[in-house]
Amino acid sequence: MDSRDNFDPKILGGSVKRGIVNPDLLEERAKCNFNQREMVLFLFDEQPTEYIEKINKMIVEHPELQTGIEYYEMSREEKLKLWYRRYRIIMEDAEMSKLITDNSRKVNEHFNWSYLLPGLSPLTLHMSMFTDSLKTFCSEEQKAHYIPQADNLNIIGCYAQTELGHGSNVAGLETTATYDEKTEQFVIHSPTIKAAKFWPGALGV
């Protein structure tokens, strides 16, 4: 069934693996009688739309960032290596790194550049929950120190909410973090196996 000759889209519909769009979907798209650009601007406003278009243009112009359906056949380790290779390519290019990592001044709170590529980036929560937490809870002095480092991936944050026995039930979480003034460190205590942190920071990619 890997051959195109054996695949009939009229019967089986579309196929991402074969690069075939469902003919019913193509037919419906052809019936579109409104300006799609106007609809996008109505939903997202001009500034976020321009940002998304810049990201899409960047990905098209840099095929080394792209991957195909083979992504879904990769092991977890292979996926992580692929994503970190992408981040290395981005961080070595001044224009791309500015466009991608300037998270403290997002123009669209609901969009992440990695959404345009197959799979889940292991740094999605770093670029959302972690950087947003820095903006929300840090003093001005702390922001000046930590946010540039987070934006440029000099430090990587992990959002460790989910616990094995509680999922995302925040009220039921058991792990505590107590600040020790003598050592100037936080003491993390998970009293039971249920309190074990599970897949923190999208590490279950």
N, C-alpha and C. Protein backbone atom coordinates (compact mmCIF):
# COMPACT_ATOMS: atom_id res chain seq x y z
N MET A 1 0.82 -1.21 0.00
CA MET A 1 0.00 0.00 0.00
C MET A 1 0.85 1.26 0.00
N ASP A 2 2.21 1.13 -0.08
CA ASP A 2 3.06 2.31 -0.09
C ASP A 2 3.10 2.98 -1.45
N SER A 3 2.65 2.28 -2.48
CA SER A 3 2.69 2.84 -3.81
C SER A 3 1.47 3.72 -4.05
N ARG A 4 1.67 4.86 -4.73
CA ARG A 4 0.56 5.73 -5.06
C ARG A 4 -0.48 5.01 -5.91
N ASP A 5 0.00 4.10 -6.78
CA ASP A 5 -0.91 3.40 -7.69
C ASP A 5 -1.93 2.56 -6.94
N ASN A 6 -1.63 2.17 -5.73
CA ASN A 6 -2.54 1.34 -4.94
C ASN A 6 -3.45 2.16 -4.04
N PHE A 7 -3.28 3.48 -4.08
CA PHE A 7 -4.05 4.36 -3.18
C PHE A 7 -5.05 5.16 -3.99
N ASP A 8 -6.32 4.93 -3.74
CA ASP A 8 -7.37 5.64 -4.45
C ASP A 8 -7.99 6.68 -3.52
N PRO A 9 -7.64 7.96 -3.70
CA PRO A 9 -8.17 9.00 -2.80
C PRO A 9 -9.69 9.15 -2.86
N LYS A 10 -10.30 8.74 -3.96
CA LYS A 10 -11.76 8.83 -4.06
C LYS A 10 -12.43 7.88 -3.07
N ILE A 11 -11.68 6.80 -2.71
CA ILE A 11 -12.21 5.82 -1.77
C ILE A 11 -11.65 6.04 -0.36
N LEU A 12 -10.35 6.27 -0.30
CA LEU A 12 -9.67 6.33 0.99
C LEU A 12 -9.46 7.75 1.52
N GLY A 13 -9.74 8.76 0.70
CA GLY A 13 -9.55 10.14 1.15
C GLY A 13 -8.11 10.59 0.99
N GLY A 14 -7.67 11.51 1.85
CA GLY A 14 -6.32 12.05 1.75
C GLY A 14 -5.30 11.19 2.46
N SER A 15 -4.03 11.53 2.25
CA SER A 15 -2.93 10.81 2.90
C SER A 15 -1.77 11.77 3.09
N VAL A 16 -1.46 12.07 4.35
CA VAL A 16 -0.32 12.93 4.65
C VAL A 16 0.97 12.26 4.17
N LYS A 17 1.08 10.97 4.40
CA LYS A 17 2.29 10.24 4.03
C LYS A 17 2.56 10.29 2.54
N ARG A 18 1.51 10.27 1.73
CA ARG A 18 1.66 10.27 0.28
C ARG A 18 1.54 11.67 -0.32
N GLY A 19 1.29 12.66 0.53
CA GLY A 19 1.15 14.01 0.04
C GLY A 19 -0.12 14.22 -0.77
N ILE A 20 -1.18 13.50 -0.43
CA ILE A 20 -2.44 13.58 -1.16
C ILE A 20 -3.50 14.27 -0.30
N VAL A 21 -4.11 15.31 -0.85
CA VAL A 21 -5.18 16.01 -0.14
C VAL A 21 -6.51 15.35 -0.50
N ASN A 22 -7.35 15.17 0.50
CA ASN A 22 -8.67 14.58 0.27
C ASN A 22 -9.40 15.36 -0.82
N PRO A 23 -9.84 14.69 -1.90
CA PRO A 23 -10.51 15.40 -3.00
C PRO A 23 -11.78 16.12 -2.55
N ASP A 24 -12.46 15.60 -1.52
CA ASP A 24 -13.65 16.30 -1.01
C ASP A 24 -13.27 17.64 -0.39
N LEU A 25 -12.11 17.65 0.28
CA LEU A 25 -11.64 18.89 0.89
C LEU A 25 -11.24 19.90 -0.18
N LEU A 26 -10.57 19.43 -1.23
CA LEU A 26 -10.20 20.32 -2.34
C LEU A 26 -11.44 20.92 -2.99
N GLU A 27 -12.47 20.10 -3.12
CA GLU A 27 -13.71 20.59 -3.72
C GLU A 27 -14.35 21.68 -2.87
N GLU A 28 -14.37 21.47 -1.54
CA GLU A 28 -14.96 22.47 -0.65
C GLU A 28 -14.13 23.75 -0.64
N ARG A 29 -12.80 23.61 -0.66
CA ARG A 29 -11.94 24.80 -0.68
C ARG A 29 -12.17 25.63 -1.93
N ALA A 30 -12.43 24.95 -3.05
CA ALA A 30 -12.64 25.64 -4.32
C ALA A 30 -13.92 26.48 -4.29
N LYS A 31 -14.81 26.19 -3.37
CA LYS A 31 -16.08 26.93 -3.28
C LYS A 31 -15.94 28.22 -2.47
N CYS A 32 -14.76 28.45 -1.90
CA CYS A 32 -14.56 29.63 -1.06
C CYS A 32 -14.89 30.91 -1.84
N ASN A 33 -15.77 31.73 -1.30
CA ASN A 33 -16.20 32.94 -2.01
C ASN A 33 -15.94 34.22 -1.21
N PHE A 34 -14.98 34.13 -0.26
CA PHE A 34 -14.62 35.33 0.50
C PHE A 34 -13.10 35.50 0.49
N ASN A 35 -12.66 36.68 0.84
CA ASN A 35 -11.24 37.01 0.86
C ASN A 35 -10.61 36.38 2.11
N GLN A 36 -9.77 35.37 1.92
CA GLN A 36 -9.20 34.65 3.04
C GLN A 36 -8.27 35.53 3.87
N ARG A 37 -7.56 36.42 3.22
CA ARG A 37 -6.67 37.33 3.93
C ARG A 37 -7.46 38.22 4.89
N GLU A 38 -8.61 38.70 4.43
CA GLU A 38 -9.45 39.53 5.28
C GLU A 38 -9.96 38.74 6.48
N MET A 39 -10.29 37.48 6.26
CA MET A 39 -10.76 36.64 7.36
C MET A 39 -9.65 36.44 8.41
N VAL A 40 -8.42 36.20 7.95
CA VAL A 40 -7.29 36.01 8.87
C VAL A 40 -7.07 37.28 9.70
N LEU A 41 -7.11 38.43 9.05
CA LEU A 41 -6.91 39.69 9.76
C LEU A 41 -8.04 39.96 10.75
N PHE A 42 -9.25 39.53 10.40
CA PHE A 42 -10.39 39.69 11.30
C PHE A 42 -10.20 38.85 12.56
N LEU A 43 -9.64 37.64 12.40
CA LEU A 43 -9.48 36.73 13.53
C LEU A 43 -8.26 37.05 14.38
N PHE A 44 -7.16 37.49 13.75
CA PHE A 44 -5.90 37.60 14.48
C PHE A 44 -5.32 39.02 14.55
N ASP A 45 -5.85 39.97 13.84
CA ASP A 45 -5.29 41.32 13.74
C ASP A 45 -4.04 41.31 12.88
N GLU A 46 -3.60 42.48 12.49
CA GLU A 46 -2.54 42.59 11.50
C GLU A 46 -1.17 42.21 12.04
N GLN A 47 -0.81 42.68 13.23
CA GLN A 47 0.53 42.44 13.75
C GLN A 47 0.82 40.95 13.98
N PRO A 48 -0.05 40.22 14.67
CA PRO A 48 0.20 38.78 14.82
C PRO A 48 0.22 38.05 13.49
N THR A 49 -0.63 38.46 12.56
CA THR A 49 -0.67 37.81 11.25
C THR A 49 0.64 38.00 10.51
N GLU A 50 1.18 39.21 10.54
CA GLU A 50 2.46 39.48 9.89
C GLU A 50 3.57 38.66 10.53
N TYR A 51 3.51 38.49 11.84
CA TYR A 51 4.51 37.69 12.54
C TYR A 51 4.45 36.23 12.08
N ILE A 52 3.24 35.68 12.01
CA ILE A 52 3.08 34.29 11.58
C ILE A 52 3.58 34.12 10.14
N GLU A 53 3.29 35.10 9.30
CA GLU A 53 3.74 35.03 7.91
C GLU A 53 5.27 35.08 7.82
N LYS A 54 5.91 35.87 8.68
CA LYS A 54 7.37 35.92 8.71
C LYS A 54 7.95 34.57 9.13
N ILE A 55 7.33 33.94 10.13
CA ILE A 55 7.79 32.63 10.59
C ILE A 55 7.65 31.60 9.48
N ASN A 56 6.50 31.62 8.82
CA ASN A 56 6.25 30.67 7.74
C ASN A 56 7.25 30.86 6.60
N LYS A 57 7.54 32.12 6.27
CA LYS A 57 8.52 32.43 5.22
C LYS A 57 9.90 31.93 5.62
N MET A 58 10.25 32.11 6.87
CA MET A 58 11.55 31.65 7.36
C MET A 58 11.69 30.14 7.22
N ILE A 59 10.64 29.41 7.57
CA ILE A 59 10.69 27.94 7.50
C ILE A 59 10.80 27.48 6.05
N VAL A 60 10.06 28.15 5.16
CA VAL A 60 10.11 27.80 3.73
C VAL A 60 11.51 28.04 3.17
N GLU A 61 12.14 29.15 3.60
CA GLU A 61 13.46 29.51 3.07
C GLU A 61 14.59 28.71 3.70
N HIS A 62 14.29 27.97 4.78
CA HIS A 62 15.32 27.17 5.45
C HIS A 62 14.86 25.72 5.55
N PRO A 63 15.04 24.96 4.46
CA PRO A 63 14.59 23.56 4.45
C PRO A 63 15.25 22.70 5.53
N GLU A 64 16.39 23.15 6.05
CA GLU A 64 17.05 22.38 7.10
C GLU A 64 16.24 22.35 8.39
N LEU A 65 15.27 23.24 8.50
CA LEU A 65 14.40 23.26 9.67
C LEU A 65 13.20 22.31 9.52
N GLN A 66 12.98 21.88 8.29
CA GLN A 66 11.77 21.13 8.00
C GLN A 66 11.98 19.62 8.16
N THR A 67 10.87 18.93 8.28
CA THR A 67 10.86 17.47 8.24
C THR A 67 9.51 17.04 7.71
N GLY A 68 9.43 15.79 7.28
CA GLY A 68 8.18 15.29 6.71
C GLY A 68 7.48 14.34 7.66
N ILE A 69 6.67 13.47 7.06
CA ILE A 69 5.89 12.53 7.83
C ILE A 69 6.76 11.54 8.59
N GLU A 70 8.03 11.44 8.17
CA GLU A 70 8.94 10.50 8.85
C GLU A 70 9.14 10.87 10.31
N TYR A 71 8.80 12.10 10.66
CA TYR A 71 8.92 12.53 12.06
C TYR A 71 8.16 11.58 12.98
N TYR A 72 7.01 11.13 12.54
CA TYR A 72 6.14 10.31 13.38
C TYR A 72 6.62 8.86 13.50
N GLU A 73 7.66 8.53 12.75
CA GLU A 73 8.27 7.20 12.86
C GLU A 73 9.53 7.23 13.73
N MET A 74 9.90 8.42 14.18
CA MET A 74 11.13 8.57 14.97
C MET A 74 10.91 8.14 16.41
N SER A 75 12.01 7.75 17.05
CA SER A 75 11.97 7.49 18.48
C SER A 75 11.99 8.82 19.23
N ARG A 76 11.70 8.79 20.52
CA ARG A 76 11.72 10.01 21.32
C ARG A 76 13.09 10.68 21.25
N GLU A 77 14.16 9.88 21.34
CA GLU A 77 15.51 10.42 21.31
C GLU A 77 15.80 11.09 19.96
N GLU A 78 15.34 10.48 18.88
CA GLU A 78 15.56 11.06 17.55
C GLU A 78 14.81 12.38 17.40
N LYS A 79 13.61 12.44 17.96
CA LYS A 79 12.83 13.68 17.89
C LYS A 79 13.53 14.81 18.66
N LEU A 80 14.04 14.48 19.85
CA LEU A 80 14.74 15.50 20.64
C LEU A 80 15.98 16.01 19.92
N LYS A 81 16.74 15.08 19.31
CA LYS A 81 17.93 15.49 18.57
C LYS A 81 17.56 16.39 17.40
N LEU A 82 16.46 16.07 16.72
CA LEU A 82 16.00 16.88 15.60
C LEU A 82 15.65 18.30 16.06
N TRP A 83 14.91 18.40 17.16
CA TRP A 83 14.51 19.72 17.64
C TRP A 83 15.70 20.53 18.10
N TYR A 84 16.63 19.91 18.80
CA TYR A 84 17.79 20.67 19.27
C TYR A 84 18.70 21.05 18.12
N ARG A 85 18.71 20.27 17.04
CA ARG A 85 19.45 20.66 15.84
C ARG A 85 18.81 21.89 15.22
N ARG A 86 17.48 21.93 15.21
CA ARG A 86 16.77 23.11 14.71
C ARG A 86 17.11 24.35 15.53
N TYR A 87 17.08 24.20 16.85
CA TYR A 87 17.39 25.34 17.71
C TYR A 87 18.82 25.82 17.51
N ARG A 88 19.74 24.92 17.28
CA ARG A 88 21.13 25.32 17.05
C ARG A 88 21.24 26.13 15.76
N ILE A 89 20.55 25.67 14.71
CA ILE A 89 20.55 26.39 13.44
C ILE A 89 19.98 27.79 13.62
N ILE A 90 18.89 27.87 14.35
CA ILE A 90 18.23 29.16 14.58
C ILE A 90 19.12 30.10 15.38
N MET A 91 19.72 29.61 16.45
CA MET A 91 20.51 30.47 17.32
C MET A 91 21.81 30.93 16.67
N GLU A 92 22.24 30.23 15.62
CA GLU A 92 23.46 30.63 14.92
C GLU A 92 23.18 31.68 13.85
N ASP A 93 21.91 31.98 13.62
CA ASP A 93 21.51 32.98 12.62
C ASP A 93 20.88 34.16 13.36
N ALA A 94 21.47 35.33 13.25
CA ALA A 94 21.03 36.50 14.02
C ALA A 94 19.58 36.86 13.73
N GLU A 95 19.18 36.86 12.45
CA GLU A 95 17.81 37.25 12.09
C GLU A 95 16.79 36.24 12.60
N MET A 96 17.10 34.95 12.41
CA MET A 96 16.17 33.92 12.85
C MET A 96 16.07 33.89 14.36
N SER A 97 17.19 33.99 15.05
CA SER A 97 17.16 33.91 16.51
C SER A 97 16.38 35.07 17.11
N LYS A 98 16.48 36.26 16.51
CA LYS A 98 15.72 37.40 17.00
C LYS A 98 14.23 37.17 16.82
N LEU A 99 13.85 36.60 15.68
CA LEU A 99 12.45 36.36 15.37
C LEU A 99 11.85 35.29 16.26
N ILE A 100 12.64 34.28 16.58
CA ILE A 100 12.15 33.10 17.29
C ILE A 100 12.19 33.25 18.80
N THR A 101 13.26 33.79 19.34
CA THR A 101 13.49 33.70 20.78
C THR A 101 13.11 34.94 21.58
N ASP A 102 12.57 35.96 20.90
CA ASP A 102 12.23 37.20 21.60
C ASP A 102 10.88 37.03 22.30
N ASN A 103 10.82 36.08 23.23
CA ASN A 103 9.55 35.68 23.83
C ASN A 103 8.98 36.70 24.79
N SER A 104 9.81 37.55 25.35
CA SER A 104 9.31 38.50 26.34
C SER A 104 8.50 39.63 25.70
N ARG A 105 8.54 39.69 24.36
CA ARG A 105 7.76 40.70 23.66
C ARG A 105 6.94 40.03 22.56
N LYS A 106 6.19 39.01 22.92
CA LYS A 106 5.37 38.29 21.96
C LYS A 106 4.30 39.21 21.36
N VAL A 107 4.04 38.99 20.05
CA VAL A 107 2.96 39.74 19.41
C VAL A 107 1.70 38.89 19.34
N ASN A 108 1.83 37.60 19.62
CA ASN A 108 0.67 36.72 19.62
C ASN A 108 0.83 35.71 20.74
N GLU A 109 0.06 35.86 21.80
CA GLU A 109 0.20 35.01 22.98
C GLU A 109 -0.25 33.57 22.71
N HIS A 110 -0.99 33.36 21.63
CA HIS A 110 -1.57 32.04 21.38
C HIS A 110 -0.86 31.29 20.26
N PHE A 111 0.26 31.83 19.78
CA PHE A 111 0.97 31.18 18.67
C PHE A 111 2.43 30.98 19.02
N ASN A 112 2.95 29.82 18.64
CA ASN A 112 4.37 29.52 18.80
C ASN A 112 4.89 29.06 17.44
N TRP A 113 6.06 29.54 17.05
CA TRP A 113 6.59 29.22 15.72
C TRP A 113 6.64 27.73 15.46
N SER A 114 6.85 26.92 16.51
CA SER A 114 7.00 25.48 16.32
C SER A 114 5.70 24.81 15.88
N TYR A 115 4.57 25.52 16.02
CA TYR A 115 3.29 24.94 15.61
C TYR A 115 3.24 24.70 14.11
N LEU A 116 4.11 25.36 13.35
CA LEU A 116 4.11 25.22 11.89
C LEU A 116 4.91 24.00 11.44
N LEU A 117 5.48 23.27 12.38
CA LEU A 117 6.27 22.08 12.05
C LEU A 117 5.65 20.85 12.71
N PRO A 118 5.87 19.67 12.14
CA PRO A 118 5.31 18.45 12.75
C PRO A 118 5.87 18.22 14.15
N GLY A 119 5.04 17.71 15.04
CA GLY A 119 5.50 17.33 16.36
C GLY A 119 5.44 18.44 17.39
N LEU A 120 5.92 18.13 18.58
CA LEU A 120 5.89 19.05 19.72
C LEU A 120 7.31 19.40 20.14
N SER A 121 7.61 20.69 20.14
CA SER A 121 8.94 21.13 20.54
C SER A 121 9.16 20.90 22.04
N PRO A 122 10.33 20.37 22.43
CA PRO A 122 10.61 20.19 23.86
C PRO A 122 10.77 21.50 24.61
N LEU A 123 10.84 22.62 23.89
CA LEU A 123 11.01 23.92 24.55
C LEU A 123 9.75 24.78 24.49
N THR A 124 8.62 24.17 24.11
CA THR A 124 7.38 24.94 24.01
C THR A 124 7.01 25.57 25.35
N LEU A 125 7.09 24.80 26.43
CA LEU A 125 6.73 25.35 27.74
C LEU A 125 7.76 26.35 28.24
N HIS A 126 9.01 26.16 27.84
CA HIS A 126 10.02 27.16 28.19
C HIS A 126 9.64 28.50 27.57
N MET A 127 9.17 28.46 26.31
CA MET A 127 8.86 29.68 25.59
C MET A 127 7.47 30.22 25.90
N SER A 128 6.75 29.55 26.78
CA SER A 128 5.43 30.05 27.14
C SER A 128 5.31 30.17 28.66
N MET A 129 5.09 29.06 29.34
CA MET A 129 4.87 29.09 30.79
C MET A 129 6.05 29.68 31.56
N PHE A 130 7.27 29.29 31.18
CA PHE A 130 8.44 29.74 31.94
C PHE A 130 8.69 31.23 31.75
N THR A 131 8.78 31.67 30.48
CA THR A 131 9.04 33.08 30.24
C THR A 131 7.89 33.96 30.73
N ASP A 132 6.66 33.46 30.60
CA ASP A 132 5.52 34.22 31.11
C ASP A 132 5.56 34.32 32.63
N SER A 133 6.01 33.28 33.29
CA SER A 133 6.13 33.31 34.75
C SER A 133 7.18 34.33 35.19
N LEU A 134 8.27 34.41 34.43
CA LEU A 134 9.30 35.41 34.75
C LEU A 134 8.71 36.81 34.63
N LYS A 135 7.94 37.05 33.56
CA LYS A 135 7.35 38.37 33.37
C LYS A 135 6.35 38.71 34.46
N THR A 136 5.64 37.68 34.95
CA THR A 136 4.55 37.91 35.90
C THR A 136 5.03 38.05 37.34
N PHE A 137 6.01 37.22 37.74
CA PHE A 137 6.35 37.13 39.16
C PHE A 137 7.68 37.77 39.54
N CYS A 138 8.52 38.09 38.59
CA CYS A 138 9.84 38.64 38.93
C CYS A 138 9.77 40.14 39.22
N SER A 139 10.70 40.57 40.06
CA SER A 139 10.87 42.01 40.26
C SER A 139 11.53 42.58 39.00
N GLU A 140 11.57 43.91 38.88
CA GLU A 140 12.19 44.52 37.71
C GLU A 140 13.66 44.14 37.60
N GLU A 141 14.31 44.06 38.73
CA GLU A 141 15.73 43.67 38.74
C GLU A 141 15.89 42.23 38.26
N GLN A 142 15.02 41.35 38.74
CA GLN A 142 15.08 39.95 38.31
C GLN A 142 14.74 39.80 36.83
N LYS A 143 13.76 40.55 36.35
CA LYS A 143 13.42 40.50 34.93
C LYS A 143 14.61 40.88 34.07
N ALA A 144 15.30 41.96 34.45
CA ALA A 144 16.45 42.42 33.68
C ALA A 144 17.55 41.37 33.63
N HIS A 145 17.63 40.56 34.68
CA HIS A 145 18.67 39.53 34.76
C HIS A 145 18.28 38.25 34.03
N TYR A 146 17.04 37.79 34.24
CA TYR A 146 16.66 36.46 33.76
C TYR A 146 15.99 36.42 32.39
N ILE A 147 15.17 37.43 32.06
CA ILE A 147 14.42 37.35 30.81
C ILE A 147 15.33 37.32 29.57
N PRO A 148 16.36 38.16 29.47
CA PRO A 148 17.24 38.06 28.30
C PRO A 148 17.91 36.68 28.19
N GLN A 149 18.26 36.10 29.32
CA GLN A 149 18.87 34.77 29.30
C GLN A 149 17.87 33.72 28.82
N ALA A 150 16.61 33.86 29.27
CA ALA A 150 15.58 32.91 28.84
C ALA A 150 15.26 33.08 27.36
N ASP A 151 15.18 34.33 26.91
CA ASP A 151 14.89 34.60 25.50
C ASP A 151 15.95 33.98 24.59
N ASN A 152 17.20 34.06 25.00
CA ASN A 152 18.31 33.59 24.18
C ASN A 152 18.75 32.16 24.49
N LEU A 153 17.93 31.47 25.29
CA LEU A 153 18.17 30.06 25.63
C LEU A 153 19.47 29.84 26.37
N ASN A 154 19.95 30.87 27.08
CA ASN A 154 21.12 30.68 27.93
C ASN A 154 20.74 29.93 29.21
N ILE A 155 19.46 30.05 29.58
CA ILE A 155 18.90 29.23 30.64
C ILE A 155 17.61 28.60 30.10
N ILE A 156 17.33 27.38 30.51
CA ILE A 156 16.14 26.66 30.06
C ILE A 156 15.24 26.39 31.27
N GLY A 157 13.99 26.81 31.15
CA GLY A 157 13.05 26.62 32.25
C GLY A 157 12.18 25.39 32.04
N CYS A 158 11.75 24.81 33.14
CA CYS A 158 10.89 23.64 33.09
C CYS A 158 9.66 23.89 33.95
N TYR A 159 8.50 23.71 33.37
CA TYR A 159 7.25 23.90 34.10
C TYR A 159 6.82 22.53 34.65
N ALA A 160 7.13 22.29 35.92
CA ALA A 160 6.93 20.96 36.52
C ALA A 160 5.67 20.93 37.37
N GLN A 161 4.51 20.95 36.73
CA GLN A 161 3.25 20.91 37.46
C GLN A 161 2.74 19.48 37.64
N THR A 162 2.65 18.73 36.55
CA THR A 162 1.99 17.43 36.55
C THR A 162 2.64 16.44 37.51
N GLU A 163 1.83 15.82 38.34
CA GLU A 163 2.30 14.77 39.25
C GLU A 163 1.63 13.45 38.90
N LEU A 164 2.32 12.37 39.17
CA LEU A 164 1.87 11.04 38.78
C LEU A 164 0.47 10.72 39.29
N GLY A 165 0.16 11.13 40.51
CA GLY A 165 -1.12 10.78 41.09
C GLY A 165 -2.18 11.86 40.99
N HIS A 166 -1.84 13.00 40.38
CA HIS A 166 -2.78 14.12 40.39
C HIS A 166 -3.00 14.76 39.02
N GLY A 167 -2.20 14.40 38.03
CA GLY A 167 -2.36 15.02 36.72
C GLY A 167 -2.21 16.53 36.83
N SER A 168 -3.18 17.25 36.30
CA SER A 168 -3.14 18.71 36.33
C SER A 168 -4.08 19.29 37.39
N ASN A 169 -4.42 18.48 38.39
CA ASN A 169 -5.24 18.96 39.51
C ASN A 169 -4.34 19.74 40.46
N VAL A 170 -4.24 21.04 40.20
CA VAL A 170 -3.30 21.89 40.95
C VAL A 170 -3.58 21.84 42.44
N ALA A 171 -4.83 21.81 42.83
CA ALA A 171 -5.18 21.82 44.26
C ALA A 171 -4.74 20.54 44.96
N GLY A 172 -4.54 19.46 44.20
CA GLY A 172 -4.17 18.19 44.81
C GLY A 172 -2.67 17.92 44.83
N LEU A 173 -1.86 18.81 44.28
CA LEU A 173 -0.42 18.60 44.22
C LEU A 173 0.18 18.49 45.61
N GLU A 174 1.12 17.58 45.79
CA GLU A 174 1.71 17.32 47.10
C GLU A 174 3.14 17.86 47.25
N THR A 175 3.85 17.98 46.17
CA THR A 175 5.25 18.43 46.24
C THR A 175 5.32 19.87 46.76
N THR A 176 6.26 20.10 47.65
CA THR A 176 6.46 21.45 48.19
C THR A 176 7.87 21.94 47.87
N ALA A 177 8.01 23.25 47.79
CA ALA A 177 9.32 23.88 47.60
C ALA A 177 9.49 24.91 48.71
N THR A 178 10.41 24.64 49.63
CA THR A 178 10.61 25.51 50.80
C THR A 178 11.96 26.20 50.70
N TYR A 179 11.95 27.51 50.81
CA TYR A 179 13.19 28.26 50.68
C TYR A 179 14.01 28.16 51.96
N ASP A 180 15.30 27.79 51.82
CA ASP A 180 16.23 27.70 52.95
C ASP A 180 17.11 28.95 52.92
N GLU A 181 16.91 29.83 53.89
CA GLU A 181 17.66 31.10 53.90
C GLU A 181 19.16 30.89 54.11
N LYS A 182 19.53 29.84 54.84
CA LYS A 182 20.95 29.59 55.11
C LYS A 182 21.70 29.21 53.84
N THR A 183 21.11 28.35 53.05
CA THR A 183 21.79 27.89 51.83
C THR A 183 21.39 28.70 50.60
N GLU A 184 20.32 29.54 50.76
CA GLU A 184 19.76 30.31 49.64
C GLU A 184 19.34 29.39 48.50
N GLN A 185 18.75 28.27 48.89
CA GLN A 185 18.27 27.28 47.93
C GLN A 185 16.86 26.84 48.32
N PHE A 186 16.15 26.28 47.32
CA PHE A 186 14.84 25.70 47.60
C PHE A 186 14.99 24.22 47.89
N VAL A 187 14.32 23.75 48.92
CA VAL A 187 14.30 22.33 49.26
C VAL A 187 13.02 21.74 48.68
N ILE A 188 13.16 20.83 47.74
CA ILE A 188 12.01 20.20 47.08
C ILE A 188 11.67 18.90 47.81
N HIS A 189 10.42 18.75 48.19
CA HIS A 189 10.00 17.57 48.93
C HIS A 189 8.76 16.95 48.30
N SER A 190 8.89 15.70 47.85
CA SER A 190 7.76 14.93 47.32
C SER A 190 7.48 13.80 48.30
N PRO A 191 6.46 13.92 49.13
CA PRO A 191 6.25 13.00 50.25
C PRO A 191 5.80 11.59 49.87
N THR A 192 5.19 11.43 48.71
CA THR A 192 4.71 10.11 48.31
C THR A 192 5.03 9.85 46.84
N ILE A 193 4.88 8.61 46.42
CA ILE A 193 5.12 8.27 45.01
C ILE A 193 4.13 9.00 44.11
N LYS A 194 2.94 9.30 44.63
CA LYS A 194 1.95 10.03 43.85
C LYS A 194 2.41 11.45 43.53
N ALA A 195 3.32 11.96 44.34
CA ALA A 195 3.80 13.33 44.16
C ALA A 195 4.95 13.42 43.17
N ALA A 196 5.36 12.27 42.61
CA ALA A 196 6.47 12.29 41.65
C ALA A 196 6.09 13.12 40.44
N LYS A 197 6.99 14.02 40.04
CA LYS A 197 6.73 14.84 38.86
C LYS A 197 6.80 13.96 37.61
N PHE A 198 5.82 14.16 36.73
CA PHE A 198 5.64 13.25 35.61
C PHE A 198 5.60 14.04 34.30
N TRP A 199 6.58 13.78 33.43
CA TRP A 199 6.69 14.48 32.14
C TRP A 199 6.78 15.99 32.32
N PRO A 200 7.68 16.48 33.15
CA PRO A 200 7.77 17.94 33.34
C PRO A 200 8.29 18.62 32.08
N GLY A 201 7.73 19.78 31.78
CA GLY A 201 8.28 20.61 30.71
C GLY A 201 8.23 20.00 29.34
N ALA A 202 7.19 19.24 29.00
CA ALA A 202 7.02 18.63 27.68
C ALA A 202 8.10 17.60 27.38
N LEU A 203 8.73 17.07 28.42
CA LEU A 203 9.79 16.08 28.18
C LEU A 203 9.23 14.74 27.74
N GLY A 204 7.90 14.62 27.69
CA GLY A 204 7.31 13.39 27.17
C GLY A 204 7.15 13.45 25.66
N VAL A 205 7.87 14.34 24.99
CA VAL A 205 7.76 14.52 23.53
C VAL A 205 7.79 13.18 22.83
